[in-house]
Amino acid sequence: MNPRVSVPKIFLRGSRWYVRVQVPKSMQKRLKRKEYWVSLNTSEKSEALQRATAKTQEKRREINAVYRRLENIHETITELTDEQVTALIRQEYSLNRIDPDALIVEQQSSGLSWDDFVDKVASRNKAIVASLRVEGYNNPALRIRAHRLMEENGVTCPRTSKAFQQVLEICGHAFAEAKRAELALLEGYPVHENPNPQIIDLQTGRPHPIVSLGELLATPPEPTPSLTTLMEKFLANPNKHRTKKTKDSIRGYLDVVFQIIGDTTPVNDISEGTIEEVRDLIMRLPPNFKKLPGAERLTLHELADVAERKRMAKLSPTGVNNYLRWLMTFLAWCHRKGMMNRMPTAYGEIKVADPVRKEDKREAFSNDQLSTIFTSRVYVDQDRDSSLFWVPLIALWNGMRSNEICQLDAADIKLEENVWGFDVTHISATGEDDKSVKTGSSIRFVPIHPRLIDFGLLDYHGTRPTGSKLFGDITRGADGYYSTNFSKKVNRYLKAIGTHGPRHKFHSFRHNFRDAMRKGRVDPEIGRALGGWTRSNTDAFDIYGNGFGVEELKEEIVRVDYPQVDWSAV
């Protein structure tokens, strides 16, 4: 599959636009040129842009053709393609076609009247065409023409090859077509009946433009698209809805992979061995390797060597598999698009085994840890205007995701059927496009847990200006998510009070909520609706319609409780 041809850069020299065409390095010494400046014959930039690609390709063909002639490069062909046949028959036709002025000169020198001359030429041409039909293409004159045609195009076709027979037929058809055209011209017609559409444009009656076989062979191959170029097409796939954050994350993984493979490597050349090399190197890298001192000056192999010398921790199996999973997803897309002959391997064959079960990677906070958190400085000082005060409480009692809480508008706390709740949605009340949800089932109405109301959440809500965000001290991260900057802030705080660790991070609050629902015997399906979890491969609930009523949701969420946690400071 050929990549899309980009428009070359154009330059204004005086009042005319030009395009610069570089001579390939391998040809510069022989051609004694490094580049050519090709005039686009216009002072209008829009016209110049339209002409630039065609002019560049034309000049590249010319450069290659000249180089092939100088180097006496002949290409051996055993069978012509359809495109090559068309190029040769048009070229041969142009060589046989008679100029009308030449016919007039011939008639005048013959001493015959015009009608007698036309009869004579018609009889001669019909006899020639008839003899071709009888003799076939094993004709000495055609063989001479065929050899001349091959020589002009710098090709060799072995006498026993299919290509040589094709060239003989091309010469015969082109010669016959030229004689028919000559006769039609003498009789006053622009073209004869039933012209060969390979040669004649049936709309205009004129011959098609000629691009010789030599020019076709001299055309440089289209550049192989870089892996990064293909990645951007992969990310632009309209069949997949991916947020900007997700796309940036995928780019981060694949950029590292492409550094190892080589960005200019043809995607079809990626083998199972290539992927194993990617896996083996990434397994040697430490977490956050891009942030190591001097990382921008070191190759990935050098970074891995540094990490091993310093005995740094290595990426977890999950971290390694993230790179491999997106690589295999990208390659599967390339394979579906016809850019790869076959998939080199399957993700299941290349992924790294993880000794830690998925459900064990994050743990809920213990009751002691929760007591430490909610009797820490922020709560003792009653810093109720801080997001550090409210966001952990909402995560624990309502089980909402970090970004769902951080992006809340003040208007997202509302009264539905006499029940106060959070309207979790991707639509912003501030008029900005600053909200997103993880899945369709994340859009939901969640009754506010009564304990949050007891803690004063509605009082805090009443202090927030209409049309503002619920938490004014949370700013959006560079990736557009409110949770990005807050996550750094809250995890630093949890670490400072001794409750943050490899398996205990902010997301642990959501695990506590899940465990509390189990202990409180919350209906499992309503529990999924409250937490915005999906069931199987489909969205579990639609709260506004066929889902659960607000009162049903409230009756279940009150079952969530943490009786062994010290809430005295809140």
Protein backbone atom coordinates (compact mmCIF):
# COMPACT_ATOMS: atom_id res chain seq x y z
CA MET A 1 0.00 0.00 0.00
CA ASN A 2 1.58 3.29 -1.13
CA PRO A 3 1.66 6.11 1.39
CA ARG A 4 0.02 9.42 0.66
CA VAL A 5 2.40 11.70 -1.25
CA SER A 6 3.10 14.90 0.67
CA VAL A 7 3.29 18.29 -1.06
CA PRO A 8 6.94 19.35 -1.54
CA LYS A 9 8.15 22.64 -0.08
CA ILE A 10 8.12 25.50 -2.58
CA PHE A 11 10.28 28.65 -2.76
CA LEU A 12 9.68 32.08 -4.25
CA ARG A 13 12.61 33.26 -6.39
CA GLY A 14 11.94 36.66 -7.86
CA SER A 15 8.32 36.54 -9.00
CA ARG A 16 8.25 32.78 -9.74
CA TRP A 17 7.73 29.79 -7.51
CA TYR A 18 10.23 26.93 -7.63
CA VAL A 19 10.55 23.49 -6.07
CA ARG A 20 13.92 22.08 -5.07
CA VAL A 21 14.55 18.47 -6.12
CA GLN A 22 17.50 16.74 -4.51
CA VAL A 23 19.65 14.26 -6.40
CA PRO A 24 20.06 10.98 -4.48
CA LYS A 25 23.50 10.76 -2.86
CA SER A 26 24.33 7.62 -4.84
CA MET A 27 23.89 9.56 -8.11
CA GLN A 28 25.47 12.91 -7.20
CA LYS A 29 29.02 12.04 -8.24
CA ARG A 30 27.95 10.69 -11.67
CA LEU A 31 25.50 13.51 -12.40
CA LYS A 32 27.76 16.17 -10.85
CA ARG A 33 24.74 17.77 -9.18
CA LYS A 34 23.30 17.76 -5.67
CA GLU A 35 19.98 19.37 -6.53
CA TYR A 36 17.85 20.98 -9.22
CA TRP A 37 15.66 24.06 -8.92
CA VAL A 38 12.55 23.42 -11.03
CA SER A 39 10.36 26.35 -12.05
CA LEU A 40 6.64 25.89 -11.44
CA ASN A 41 5.96 28.58 -14.08
CA THR A 42 3.62 30.62 -11.94
CA SER A 43 3.64 33.52 -9.52
CA GLU A 44 0.47 32.26 -7.80
CA LYS A 45 1.21 30.24 -4.67
CA SER A 46 -1.99 28.17 -4.90
CA GLU A 47 -1.14 27.09 -8.46
CA ALA A 48 2.44 26.37 -7.43
CA LEU A 49 1.27 24.07 -4.64
CA GLN A 50 -0.96 22.20 -7.09
CA ARG A 51 1.91 21.71 -9.55
CA ALA A 52 4.71 20.97 -7.07
CA THR A 53 4.12 17.23 -6.58
CA ALA A 54 3.80 16.42 -10.29
CA LYS A 55 6.83 18.55 -11.19
CA THR A 56 8.91 16.91 -8.46
CA GLN A 57 7.98 13.41 -9.60
CA GLU A 58 8.65 14.34 -13.23
CA LYS A 59 12.10 15.68 -12.35
CA ARG A 60 12.92 12.63 -10.25
CA ARG A 61 12.01 10.38 -13.20
CA GLU A 62 14.23 12.48 -15.44
CA ILE A 63 17.15 12.30 -12.97
CA ASN A 64 16.84 8.55 -12.72
CA ALA A 65 16.48 8.12 -16.49
CA VAL A 66 19.63 10.18 -17.17
CA TYR A 67 21.55 8.22 -14.54
CA ARG A 68 20.42 4.89 -16.02
CA ARG A 69 21.56 5.97 -19.49
CA LEU A 70 24.93 7.23 -18.27
CA GLU A 71 25.52 4.03 -16.31
CA ASN A 72 24.14 1.92 -19.16
CA ILE A 73 21.76 0.24 -16.75
CA HIS A 74 19.51 -2.30 -18.45
CA GLU A 75 16.75 -4.04 -16.55
CA THR A 76 15.87 -7.59 -17.53
CA ILE A 77 12.12 -8.16 -17.71
CA THR A 78 10.55 -11.58 -18.30
CA GLU A 79 6.89 -10.48 -18.13
CA LEU A 80 5.42 -7.00 -18.56
CA THR A 81 2.83 -5.61 -16.17
CA ASP A 82 -0.37 -4.00 -17.48
CA GLU A 83 1.07 -0.56 -16.69
CA GLN A 84 4.25 -1.36 -18.61
CA VAL A 85 2.29 -2.67 -21.62
CA THR A 86 0.26 0.55 -21.72
CA ALA A 87 3.39 2.70 -21.54
CA LEU A 88 5.07 0.82 -24.41
CA ILE A 89 2.07 0.77 -26.75
CA ARG A 90 1.53 4.52 -26.36
CA GLN A 91 5.21 5.19 -26.94
CA GLU A 92 5.35 2.94 -30.03
CA TYR A 93 2.17 4.48 -31.44
CA SER A 94 3.71 7.95 -31.19
CA LEU A 95 6.75 6.73 -33.13
CA ASN A 96 4.56 5.34 -35.96
CA ARG A 97 2.03 8.14 -36.18
CA ILE A 98 2.21 10.20 -39.39
CA ASP A 99 2.23 13.99 -39.25
CA PRO A 100 -0.61 15.44 -41.41
CA ASP A 101 1.84 17.86 -43.05
CA ALA A 102 3.99 14.89 -44.08
CA LEU A 103 0.98 13.31 -45.83
CA ILE A 104 0.35 16.49 -47.79
CA VAL A 105 3.99 16.60 -48.90
CA GLU A 106 3.80 12.91 -49.91
CA GLN A 107 0.60 13.51 -51.94
CA GLN A 108 2.08 16.49 -53.74
CA SER A 109 5.25 14.61 -54.64
CA SER A 110 3.31 11.55 -55.84
CA GLY A 111 1.70 13.42 -58.75
CA LEU A 112 -1.67 11.84 -57.88
CA SER A 113 -4.91 13.62 -57.21
CA TRP A 114 -6.00 13.71 -53.58
CA ASP A 115 -8.67 11.03 -54.09
CA ASP A 116 -6.30 8.75 -55.98
CA PHE A 117 -3.64 9.28 -53.33
CA VAL A 118 -6.13 8.39 -50.56
CA ASP A 119 -7.12 5.22 -52.45
CA LYS A 120 -3.49 4.27 -52.87
CA VAL A 121 -2.64 4.80 -49.18
CA ALA A 122 -5.82 2.98 -48.10
CA SER A 123 -4.95 -0.02 -50.28
CA ARG A 124 -1.36 -0.03 -48.98
CA ASN A 125 -2.34 0.26 -45.34
CA LYS A 126 -5.02 -2.44 -45.58
CA ALA A 127 -2.49 -4.77 -47.20
CA ILE A 128 0.04 -4.14 -44.43
CA VAL A 129 -2.52 -4.77 -41.68
CA ALA A 130 -3.77 -7.89 -43.47
CA SER A 131 -0.23 -9.26 -43.79
CA LEU A 132 0.27 -8.75 -40.07
CA ARG A 133 -2.83 -10.81 -39.39
CA VAL A 134 -1.56 -13.59 -41.65
CA GLU A 135 2.05 -13.60 -40.49
CA GLY A 136 1.21 -12.98 -36.86
CA TYR A 137 3.89 -11.21 -34.93
CA ASN A 138 6.83 -13.29 -36.15
CA ASN A 139 7.79 -10.55 -38.56
CA PRO A 140 11.37 -9.33 -39.12
CA ALA A 141 10.25 -5.69 -39.24
CA LEU A 142 8.40 -6.06 -35.93
CA ARG A 143 11.42 -7.72 -34.33
CA ILE A 144 13.56 -4.75 -35.39
CA ARG A 145 10.98 -2.37 -33.93
CA ALA A 146 10.79 -4.42 -30.73
CA HIS A 147 14.56 -4.33 -30.21
CA ARG A 148 14.62 -0.60 -30.86
CA LEU A 149 11.79 -0.03 -28.38
CA MET A 150 13.54 -2.08 -25.68
CA GLU A 151 16.82 -0.28 -26.27
CA GLU A 152 15.19 3.14 -25.98
CA ASN A 153 13.75 2.16 -22.62
CA GLY A 154 16.86 0.49 -21.25
CA VAL A 155 15.33 -2.96 -20.87
CA THR A 156 16.23 -6.45 -22.00
CA CYS A 157 13.59 -9.10 -22.69
CA PRO A 158 15.04 -12.58 -23.35
CA ARG A 159 13.89 -14.01 -26.71
CA THR A 160 12.18 -16.95 -25.00
CA SER A 161 10.39 -14.82 -22.40
CA LYS A 162 6.75 -13.83 -22.33
CA ALA A 163 7.87 -10.20 -22.24
CA PHE A 164 9.54 -10.44 -25.67
CA GLN A 165 6.33 -11.84 -27.20
CA GLN A 166 4.41 -9.03 -25.49
CA VAL A 167 6.73 -6.41 -27.04
CA LEU A 168 6.24 -7.94 -30.51
CA GLU A 169 2.46 -7.78 -30.07
CA ILE A 170 2.71 -4.19 -28.78
CA CYS A 171 4.66 -3.15 -31.88
CA GLY A 172 2.14 -4.88 -34.15
CA HIS A 173 -0.92 -3.34 -32.48
CA ALA A 174 0.63 0.13 -32.37
CA PHE A 175 1.66 -0.06 -36.04
CA ALA A 176 -1.82 -1.19 -37.14
CA GLU A 177 -3.46 1.50 -35.03
CA ALA A 178 -1.21 4.15 -36.57
CA LYS A 179 -2.12 3.02 -40.10
CA ARG A 180 -5.85 3.13 -39.30
CA ALA A 181 -5.42 6.63 -37.85
CA GLU A 182 -3.53 7.69 -40.96
CA LEU A 183 -6.34 6.49 -43.21
CA ALA A 184 -9.02 8.20 -41.09
CA LEU A 185 -7.06 11.44 -41.30
CA LEU A 186 -6.87 11.24 -45.11
CA GLU A 187 -10.63 10.67 -45.27
CA GLY A 188 -11.30 13.74 -43.12
CA TYR A 189 -12.01 12.10 -39.74
CA PRO A 190 -10.15 12.97 -36.53
CA VAL A 191 -10.09 9.31 -35.46
CA HIS A 192 -11.12 5.98 -36.97
CA GLU A 193 -13.97 3.84 -35.69
CA ASN A 194 -13.32 1.70 -32.58
CA PRO A 195 -9.93 3.15 -31.59
CA ASN A 196 -7.79 1.34 -29.03
CA PRO A 197 -8.65 2.95 -25.63
CA GLN A 198 -5.15 2.18 -24.36
CA ILE A 199 -3.86 4.60 -26.97
CA ILE A 200 -6.71 7.00 -27.76
CA ASP A 201 -8.68 9.06 -25.25
CA LEU A 202 -12.25 8.22 -26.29
CA GLN A 203 -13.55 11.53 -24.88
CA THR A 204 -11.22 13.80 -26.87
CA GLY A 205 -10.17 11.54 -29.73
CA ARG A 206 -6.54 12.47 -29.05
CA PRO A 207 -3.72 10.14 -28.01
CA HIS A 208 -3.13 9.74 -24.27
CA PRO A 209 -0.06 11.49 -22.80
CA ILE A 210 3.08 9.36 -22.96
CA VAL A 211 5.07 8.18 -19.95
CA SER A 212 7.68 5.83 -21.38
CA LEU A 213 8.60 2.50 -19.80
CA GLY A 214 12.06 3.94 -19.17
CA GLU A 215 10.48 6.75 -17.13
CA LEU A 216 8.35 4.26 -15.19
CA LEU A 217 11.40 2.18 -14.36
CA ALA A 218 13.35 5.32 -13.45
CA THR A 219 10.66 6.52 -11.04
CA PRO A 220 12.04 6.25 -7.52
CA PRO A 221 9.93 4.02 -5.28
CA GLU A 222 7.58 5.81 -2.95
CA PRO A 223 9.29 6.30 0.40
CA THR A 224 8.40 3.71 3.01
CA PRO A 225 6.17 5.43 5.59
CA SER A 226 7.79 5.74 8.99
CA LEU A 227 6.34 3.81 11.90
CA THR A 228 5.46 7.14 13.51
CA THR A 229 3.48 8.15 10.42
CA LEU A 230 1.58 4.87 10.53
CA MET A 231 0.99 5.30 14.26
CA GLU A 232 -0.72 8.65 13.69
CA LYS A 233 -3.02 7.04 11.11
CA PHE A 234 -3.69 4.25 13.61
CA LEU A 235 -4.61 6.79 16.29
CA ALA A 236 -6.83 8.69 13.84
CA ASN A 237 -8.90 5.57 13.19
CA PRO A 238 -12.54 6.80 13.32
CA ASN A 239 -13.71 3.33 14.40
CA LYS A 240 -12.09 3.88 17.80
CA HIS A 241 -13.04 6.59 20.26
CA ARG A 242 -9.95 7.44 22.24
CA THR A 243 -9.49 10.45 24.49
CA LYS A 244 -6.52 12.76 24.07
CA LYS A 245 -5.04 11.31 27.26
CA THR A 246 -5.32 7.78 25.89
CA LYS A 247 -3.76 8.79 22.56
CA ASP A 248 -0.88 10.54 24.31
CA SER A 249 -0.36 7.44 26.45
CA ILE A 250 -0.27 5.20 23.35
CA ARG A 251 2.20 7.57 21.68
CA GLY A 252 4.41 7.36 24.75
CA TYR A 253 4.51 3.56 24.61
CA LEU A 254 4.98 3.30 20.83
CA ASP A 255 7.60 6.06 20.65
CA VAL A 256 9.81 3.96 22.94
CA VAL A 257 9.15 0.82 20.91
CA PHE A 258 9.98 2.62 17.64
CA GLN A 259 13.28 3.85 19.10
CA ILE A 260 14.24 0.21 19.58
CA ILE A 261 12.95 -1.05 16.22
CA GLY A 262 14.03 1.99 14.20
CA ASP A 263 11.38 4.43 12.98
CA THR A 264 12.27 3.89 9.31
CA THR A 265 12.00 0.10 9.50
CA PRO A 266 9.29 -1.11 7.07
CA VAL A 267 6.41 -2.41 9.15
CA ASN A 268 6.34 -5.59 7.08
CA ASP A 269 9.92 -6.34 8.19
CA ILE A 270 8.97 -6.55 11.88
CA SER A 271 9.40 -10.18 12.93
CA GLU A 272 8.89 -12.19 16.08
CA GLY A 273 12.60 -11.78 16.74
CA THR A 274 12.20 -7.98 16.49
CA ILE A 275 9.43 -8.03 19.08
CA GLU A 276 11.49 -10.25 21.38
CA GLU A 277 14.31 -7.68 21.18
CA VAL A 278 11.82 -4.96 22.16
CA ARG A 279 10.57 -7.02 25.09
CA ASP A 280 14.04 -7.97 26.33
CA LEU A 281 15.30 -4.37 26.30
CA ILE A 282 12.21 -2.88 27.95
CA MET A 283 12.45 -5.51 30.70
CA ARG A 284 15.89 -4.06 31.56
CA LEU A 285 14.62 -0.47 31.92
CA PRO A 286 13.74 1.09 35.29
CA PRO A 287 10.44 2.86 36.08
CA ASN A 288 10.36 6.50 34.91
CA PHE A 289 13.50 5.89 32.84
CA LYS A 290 12.73 8.95 30.71
CA LYS A 291 13.25 11.14 33.78
CA LEU A 292 16.70 9.81 34.66
CA PRO A 293 19.50 12.45 34.66
CA GLY A 294 20.87 12.80 31.15
CA ALA A 295 18.22 10.48 29.69
CA GLU A 296 17.76 12.71 26.65
CA ARG A 297 21.42 12.13 25.68
CA LEU A 298 21.45 8.35 26.16
CA THR A 299 20.08 5.54 24.03
CA LEU A 300 17.67 3.08 25.61
CA HIS A 301 20.43 0.46 25.67
CA GLU A 302 22.68 2.90 27.53
CA LEU A 303 19.87 3.73 29.98
CA ALA A 304 19.39 0.02 30.63
CA ASP A 305 23.13 -0.38 31.25
CA VAL A 306 23.10 2.55 33.69
CA ALA A 307 20.12 1.09 35.54
CA GLU A 308 21.81 -2.29 35.88
CA ARG A 309 25.09 -0.78 37.09
CA LYS A 310 23.19 1.16 39.75
CA ARG A 311 21.03 -1.88 40.55
CA MET A 312 17.84 0.10 40.02
CA ALA A 313 14.43 -1.56 40.11
CA LYS A 314 13.08 -2.68 36.75
CA LEU A 315 9.73 -2.06 35.13
CA SER A 316 6.99 -4.33 36.44
CA PRO A 317 5.54 -7.02 34.18
CA THR A 318 2.45 -4.83 33.81
CA GLY A 319 4.62 -1.92 32.70
CA VAL A 320 6.48 -4.05 30.15
CA ASN A 321 3.24 -5.58 28.87
CA ASN A 322 1.73 -2.14 28.28
CA TYR A 323 4.43 -1.50 25.66
CA LEU A 324 3.96 -4.94 24.09
CA ARG A 325 0.17 -4.78 24.12
CA TRP A 326 0.05 -1.50 22.22
CA LEU A 327 2.74 -2.68 19.80
CA MET A 328 0.69 -5.79 18.98
CA THR A 329 -2.51 -3.75 18.70
CA PHE A 330 -0.75 -1.40 16.27
CA LEU A 331 0.65 -4.29 14.22
CA ALA A 332 -2.76 -5.98 14.08
CA TRP A 333 -4.17 -2.76 12.62
CA CYS A 334 -1.34 -2.63 10.04
CA HIS A 335 -2.07 -6.26 9.13
CA ARG A 336 -5.79 -5.57 8.66
CA LYS A 337 -4.92 -2.62 6.42
CA GLY A 338 -2.79 -4.83 4.16
CA MET A 339 0.57 -3.33 5.20
CA MET A 340 1.86 -6.64 6.61
CA ASN A 341 1.79 -10.06 4.98
CA ARG A 342 1.30 -11.79 8.31
CA MET A 343 1.27 -11.12 12.03
CA PRO A 344 4.72 -11.98 13.44
CA THR A 345 3.31 -13.45 16.64
CA ALA A 346 0.41 -13.15 19.09
CA TYR A 347 0.36 -10.98 22.20
CA GLY A 348 -0.23 -14.06 24.34
CA GLU A 349 3.04 -15.54 23.06
CA ILE A 350 5.17 -12.48 23.78
CA LYS A 351 3.79 -10.94 26.98
CA VAL A 352 5.68 -11.19 30.26
CA ALA A 353 4.21 -13.45 32.93
CA ASP A 354 3.12 -11.52 36.02
CA PRO A 355 3.43 -13.34 39.37
CA VAL A 356 1.04 -10.84 41.00
CA ARG A 357 -2.65 -11.28 40.28
CA LYS A 358 -4.45 -8.25 38.85
CA GLU A 359 -6.77 -8.01 41.85
CA ASP A 360 -3.74 -7.93 44.18
CA LYS A 361 -1.94 -5.02 42.50
CA ARG A 362 -3.88 -2.43 44.50
CA GLU A 363 -5.10 -3.05 48.02
CA ALA A 364 -7.74 -1.28 50.03
CA PHE A 365 -6.46 0.87 52.88
CA SER A 366 -6.65 -0.85 56.26
CA ASN A 367 -8.87 0.64 59.00
CA ASP A 368 -5.74 1.95 60.73
CA GLN A 369 -4.54 3.59 57.51
CA LEU A 370 -7.95 5.19 56.97
CA SER A 371 -7.92 6.49 60.54
CA THR A 372 -4.45 7.93 59.94
CA ILE A 373 -5.64 9.68 56.78
CA PHE A 374 -8.82 11.16 58.25
CA THR A 375 -7.18 12.34 61.48
CA SER A 376 -4.22 13.90 59.63
CA ARG A 377 -3.37 17.60 59.47
CA VAL A 378 -5.90 18.55 56.76
CA TYR A 379 -8.78 17.19 58.83
CA VAL A 380 -7.50 18.32 62.21
CA ASP A 381 -7.06 21.85 60.80
CA GLN A 382 -10.55 21.61 59.23
CA ASP A 383 -9.16 22.81 55.89
CA ARG A 384 -12.59 22.51 54.26
CA ASP A 385 -11.76 24.74 51.30
CA SER A 386 -9.06 22.31 50.18
CA SER A 387 -9.66 19.53 47.67
CA LEU A 388 -7.45 17.36 49.88
CA PHE A 389 -10.26 17.48 52.46
CA TRP A 390 -13.20 16.50 50.26
CA VAL A 391 -11.91 14.40 47.34
CA PRO A 392 -10.66 11.45 49.49
CA LEU A 393 -13.95 11.48 51.43
CA ILE A 394 -16.03 11.36 48.25
CA ALA A 395 -13.81 8.60 46.82
CA LEU A 396 -14.26 6.53 49.96
CA TRP A 397 -17.97 7.03 50.61
CA ASN A 398 -19.24 7.26 47.01
CA GLY A 399 -16.59 5.18 45.22
CA MET A 400 -16.11 7.67 42.39
CA ARG A 401 -12.96 7.73 40.28
CA SER A 402 -10.38 10.44 40.84
CA ASN A 403 -11.05 12.37 37.63
CA GLU A 404 -14.83 12.03 38.05
CA ILE A 405 -14.51 13.88 41.36
CA CYS A 406 -11.84 16.40 40.35
CA GLN A 407 -13.71 17.59 37.26
CA LEU A 408 -17.06 18.13 39.01
CA ASP A 409 -18.81 21.43 38.42
CA ALA A 410 -20.66 23.05 41.31
CA ALA A 411 -23.81 22.46 39.25
CA ASP A 412 -23.12 18.69 39.25
CA ILE A 413 -24.40 18.46 42.82
CA LYS A 414 -28.15 18.52 42.35
CA LEU A 415 -31.45 17.40 43.81
CA GLU A 416 -33.21 14.56 41.98
CA GLU A 417 -36.51 13.26 43.39
CA ASN A 418 -35.68 14.89 46.73
CA VAL A 419 -32.30 13.09 46.81
CA TRP A 420 -29.02 15.02 46.65
CA GLY A 421 -26.54 13.41 44.33
CA PHE A 422 -23.57 13.74 41.98
CA ASP A 423 -24.37 14.05 38.25
CA VAL A 424 -21.37 12.25 36.73
CA THR A 425 -21.26 13.35 33.09
CA HIS A 426 -18.94 14.40 30.28
CA ILE A 427 -20.93 17.62 29.71
CA SER A 428 -19.52 20.65 31.48
CA ALA A 429 -21.81 23.22 33.06
CA THR A 430 -19.08 25.86 32.66
CA GLY A 431 -19.35 25.84 28.87
CA GLU A 432 -15.86 24.40 28.41
CA ASP A 433 -14.90 21.09 26.86
CA ASP A 434 -13.03 20.01 29.99
CA LYS A 435 -14.73 16.80 31.13
CA SER A 436 -14.56 13.16 30.13
CA VAL A 437 -15.73 9.77 31.37
CA LYS A 438 -14.01 6.40 31.18
CA THR A 439 -16.90 4.40 29.67
CA GLY A 440 -20.56 4.82 28.79
CA SER A 441 -21.55 3.29 32.11
CA SER A 442 -19.56 5.98 33.92
CA ILE A 443 -22.34 8.47 33.10
CA ARG A 444 -24.64 8.15 36.08
CA PHE A 445 -26.45 9.83 38.96
CA VAL A 446 -24.97 8.80 42.32
CA PRO A 447 -26.85 9.69 45.52
CA ILE A 448 -24.51 11.49 47.94
CA HIS A 449 -23.78 9.21 50.88
CA PRO A 450 -25.53 10.63 54.00
CA ARG A 451 -22.23 10.67 55.91
CA LEU A 452 -20.82 13.20 53.39
CA ILE A 453 -23.82 15.41 54.05
CA ASP A 454 -23.20 15.01 57.79
CA PHE A 455 -19.59 16.05 57.21
CA GLY A 456 -20.85 19.29 55.60
CA LEU A 457 -20.43 18.70 51.86
CA LEU A 458 -23.66 20.53 51.01
CA ASP A 459 -22.56 23.47 53.17
CA TYR A 460 -19.27 23.60 51.27
CA HIS A 461 -21.19 23.32 48.00
CA GLY A 462 -23.27 26.33 48.98
CA THR A 463 -20.15 28.48 49.16
CA ARG A 464 -19.13 27.76 45.56
CA PRO A 465 -20.08 30.36 42.90
CA THR A 466 -22.66 29.38 40.31
CA GLY A 467 -20.99 28.27 37.09
CA SER A 468 -17.70 27.39 38.79
CA LYS A 469 -15.88 24.12 39.35
CA LEU A 470 -16.70 22.40 42.65
CA PHE A 471 -13.03 22.47 43.70
CA GLY A 472 -11.40 25.76 42.81
CA ASP A 473 -7.89 24.70 43.82
CA ILE A 474 -7.65 21.87 41.25
CA THR A 475 -6.13 22.87 37.92
CA ARG A 476 -6.07 20.88 34.70
CA GLY A 477 -2.92 18.97 33.86
CA ALA A 478 -1.02 19.25 30.60
CA ASP A 479 -3.02 16.27 29.34
CA GLY A 480 -6.31 18.09 29.96
CA TYR A 481 -7.36 16.02 33.00
CA TYR A 482 -8.09 17.61 36.39
CA SER A 483 -6.98 14.43 38.16
CA THR A 484 -3.42 14.64 36.83
CA ASN A 485 -2.17 17.45 39.06
CA PHE A 486 -4.38 16.43 41.98
CA SER A 487 -3.04 12.85 41.91
CA LYS A 488 0.52 14.12 42.35
CA LYS A 489 -0.60 16.36 45.20
CA VAL A 490 -2.66 13.75 47.08
CA ASN A 491 -0.13 10.94 46.66
CA ARG A 492 2.62 13.22 48.03
CA TYR A 493 0.35 13.95 50.99
CA LEU A 494 -0.43 10.26 51.57
CA LYS A 495 3.26 9.49 51.41
CA ALA A 496 4.03 12.23 53.93
CA ILE A 497 1.61 10.75 56.47
CA GLY A 498 2.85 7.19 55.86
CA THR A 499 -0.12 5.66 54.05
CA HIS A 500 1.25 5.59 50.51
CA GLY A 501 3.07 2.56 49.10
CA PRO A 502 3.44 0.24 46.12
CA ARG A 503 -0.06 -1.16 46.66
CA HIS A 504 -1.64 1.81 48.42
CA LYS A 505 -2.40 4.85 46.32
CA PHE A 506 -5.41 7.12 45.88
CA HIS A 507 -7.18 4.44 43.83
CA SER A 508 -7.20 2.27 46.96
CA PHE A 509 -10.22 4.28 48.19
CA ARG A 510 -12.24 2.73 45.38
CA HIS A 511 -11.18 -0.72 46.59
CA ASN A 512 -12.38 0.22 50.09
CA PHE A 513 -15.73 1.26 48.63
CA ARG A 514 -16.05 -2.06 46.80
CA ASP A 515 -15.23 -4.00 49.95
CA ALA A 516 -17.69 -1.92 52.01
CA MET A 517 -20.45 -2.69 49.52
CA ARG A 518 -19.75 -6.41 49.90
CA LYS A 519 -19.79 -6.20 53.67
CA GLY A 520 -23.00 -4.17 53.58
CA ARG A 521 -24.63 -6.73 51.24
CA VAL A 522 -25.29 -4.11 48.57
CA ASP A 523 -27.12 -5.60 45.58
CA PRO A 524 -24.28 -6.46 43.10
CA GLU A 525 -26.00 -4.91 40.06
CA ILE A 526 -26.84 -1.70 41.93
CA GLY A 527 -23.25 -1.72 43.20
CA ARG A 528 -21.99 -1.73 39.62
CA ALA A 529 -24.32 1.14 38.80
CA LEU A 530 -23.10 3.17 41.78
CA GLY A 531 -19.44 2.66 40.91
CA GLY A 532 -19.87 3.03 37.13
CA TRP A 533 -18.47 -0.44 36.48
CA THR A 534 -19.31 -2.36 33.33
CA ARG A 535 -20.63 -5.90 33.22
CA SER A 536 -19.02 -8.28 30.70
CA ASN A 537 -18.43 -6.41 27.44
CA THR A 538 -21.47 -4.16 27.61
CA ASP A 539 -22.46 -1.12 29.60
CA ALA A 540 -24.15 -2.37 32.72
CA PHE A 541 -26.74 0.30 33.38
CA ASP A 542 -28.49 3.35 32.06
CA ILE A 543 -29.42 5.31 35.16
CA TYR A 544 -31.73 7.71 33.33
CA GLY A 545 -34.17 5.30 31.73
CA ASN A 546 -34.03 1.58 32.10
CA GLY A 547 -31.64 1.65 35.06
CA PHE A 548 -32.38 1.83 38.77
CA GLY A 549 -34.46 4.55 40.36
CA VAL A 550 -32.83 7.19 42.53
CA GLU A 551 -34.55 5.88 45.65
CA GLU A 552 -33.28 2.35 44.96
CA LEU A 553 -29.73 3.67 44.62
CA LYS A 554 -30.01 5.65 47.85
CA GLU A 555 -31.34 2.63 49.76
CA GLU A 556 -28.29 0.62 48.77
CA ILE A 557 -25.55 3.22 49.18
CA VAL A 558 -26.47 3.82 52.83
CA ARG A 559 -25.32 0.23 53.46
CA VAL A 560 -21.71 1.40 52.85
CA ASP A 561 -20.07 2.08 56.22
CA TYR A 562 -16.68 2.14 57.90
CA PRO A 563 -17.50 1.73 61.61
CA GLN A 564 -13.93 0.95 62.72
CA VAL A 565 -12.44 4.15 61.30
CA ASP A 566 -11.83 7.20 63.53
CA TRP A 567 -13.99 10.02 62.14
CA SER A 568 -13.58 12.38 65.08
CA ALA A 569 -11.54 14.96 63.11
CA VAL A 570 -13.99 15.19 60.21
